[in-house]
Amino acid sequence: GNLIKAIGIMLYNTLTRRRVRGSTELATAE
């Protein structure tokens, strides 16, 4: 459901944040 999708996005953002901080900040804004 949407909860699983939200968790997946959160995990993805956490992983990508370690590589690039700027782009993830823009992504989390939405």
N, C-alpha and C. Protein backbone atom coordinates (compact mmCIF):
# COMPACT_ATOMS: atom_id res chain seq x y z
N GLY A 1 0.82 -1.21 0.00
CA GLY A 1 0.00 0.00 0.00
C GLY A 1 0.86 1.26 0.00
N ASN A 2 0.23 2.38 0.30
CA ASN A 2 0.95 3.66 0.31
C ASN A 2 2.00 3.69 1.41
N LEU A 3 1.74 3.01 2.52
CA LEU A 3 2.68 3.00 3.64
C LEU A 3 3.99 2.35 3.22
N ILE A 4 3.88 1.22 2.53
CA ILE A 4 5.09 0.52 2.07
C ILE A 4 5.85 1.39 1.08
N LYS A 5 5.11 2.06 0.21
CA LYS A 5 5.73 2.94 -0.78
C LYS A 5 6.45 4.09 -0.10
N ALA A 6 5.82 4.65 0.92
CA ALA A 6 6.42 5.77 1.65
C ALA A 6 7.70 5.33 2.34
N ILE A 7 7.68 4.12 2.92
CA ILE A 7 8.88 3.60 3.58
C ILE A 7 9.99 3.40 2.56
N GLY A 8 9.64 2.89 1.40
CA GLY A 8 10.62 2.67 0.34
C GLY A 8 11.26 3.97 -0.09
N ILE A 9 10.46 5.00 -0.24
CA ILE A 9 10.97 6.31 -0.63
C ILE A 9 11.89 6.86 0.45
N MET A 10 11.49 6.68 1.70
CA MET A 10 12.29 7.18 2.82
C MET A 10 13.65 6.47 2.87
N LEU A 11 13.63 5.16 2.66
CA LEU A 11 14.88 4.40 2.65
C LEU A 11 15.76 4.83 1.49
N TYR A 12 15.13 5.04 0.32
CA TYR A 12 15.86 5.47 -0.86
C TYR A 12 16.51 6.82 -0.63
N ASN A 13 15.77 7.74 -0.03
CA ASN A 13 16.30 9.07 0.25
C ASN A 13 17.45 8.99 1.24
N THR A 14 17.34 8.09 2.21
CA THR A 14 18.40 7.93 3.21
C THR A 14 19.68 7.44 2.56
N LEU A 15 19.55 6.51 1.62
CA LEU A 15 20.73 5.96 0.95
C LEU A 15 21.36 6.99 0.02
N THR A 16 20.52 7.69 -0.74
CA THR A 16 21.04 8.66 -1.70
C THR A 16 21.59 9.90 -1.00
N ARG A 17 21.08 10.16 0.20
CA ARG A 17 21.54 11.34 0.94
C ARG A 17 23.02 11.22 1.27
N ARG A 18 23.49 9.99 1.45
CA ARG A 18 24.90 9.77 1.77
C ARG A 18 25.78 10.14 0.58
N ARG A 19 25.21 10.01 -0.63
CA ARG A 19 25.99 10.33 -1.84
C ARG A 19 25.88 11.81 -2.17
N VAL A 20 24.65 12.27 -2.33
CA VAL A 20 24.45 13.67 -2.70
C VAL A 20 23.44 14.31 -1.75
N ARG A 21 23.88 15.31 -1.01
CA ARG A 21 22.99 15.96 -0.04
C ARG A 21 22.03 16.93 -0.72
N GLY A 22 22.53 17.74 -1.62
CA GLY A 22 21.72 18.79 -2.23
C GLY A 22 20.48 18.27 -2.94
N SER A 23 20.64 17.25 -3.78
CA SER A 23 19.52 16.76 -4.58
C SER A 23 18.45 16.11 -3.70
N THR A 24 18.88 15.47 -2.61
CA THR A 24 17.90 14.81 -1.74
C THR A 24 17.08 15.84 -0.97
N GLU A 25 17.70 16.97 -0.64
CA GLU A 25 16.97 18.01 0.08
C GLU A 25 15.85 18.55 -0.80
N LEU A 26 16.12 18.64 -2.10
CA LEU A 26 15.09 19.11 -3.02
C LEU A 26 14.00 18.06 -3.17
N ALA A 27 14.41 16.78 -3.15
CA ALA A 27 13.45 15.69 -3.32
C ALA A 27 12.54 15.57 -2.11
N THR A 28 13.10 15.75 -0.92
CA THR A 28 12.31 15.61 0.30
C THR A 28 11.37 16.79 0.50
N ALA A 29 11.59 17.88 -0.23
CA ALA A 29 10.76 19.07 -0.09
C ALA A 29 9.35 18.81 -0.63
N GLU A 30 9.26 17.89 -1.60
CA GLU A 30 7.95 17.60 -2.19
C GLU A 30 7.21 16.56 -1.36
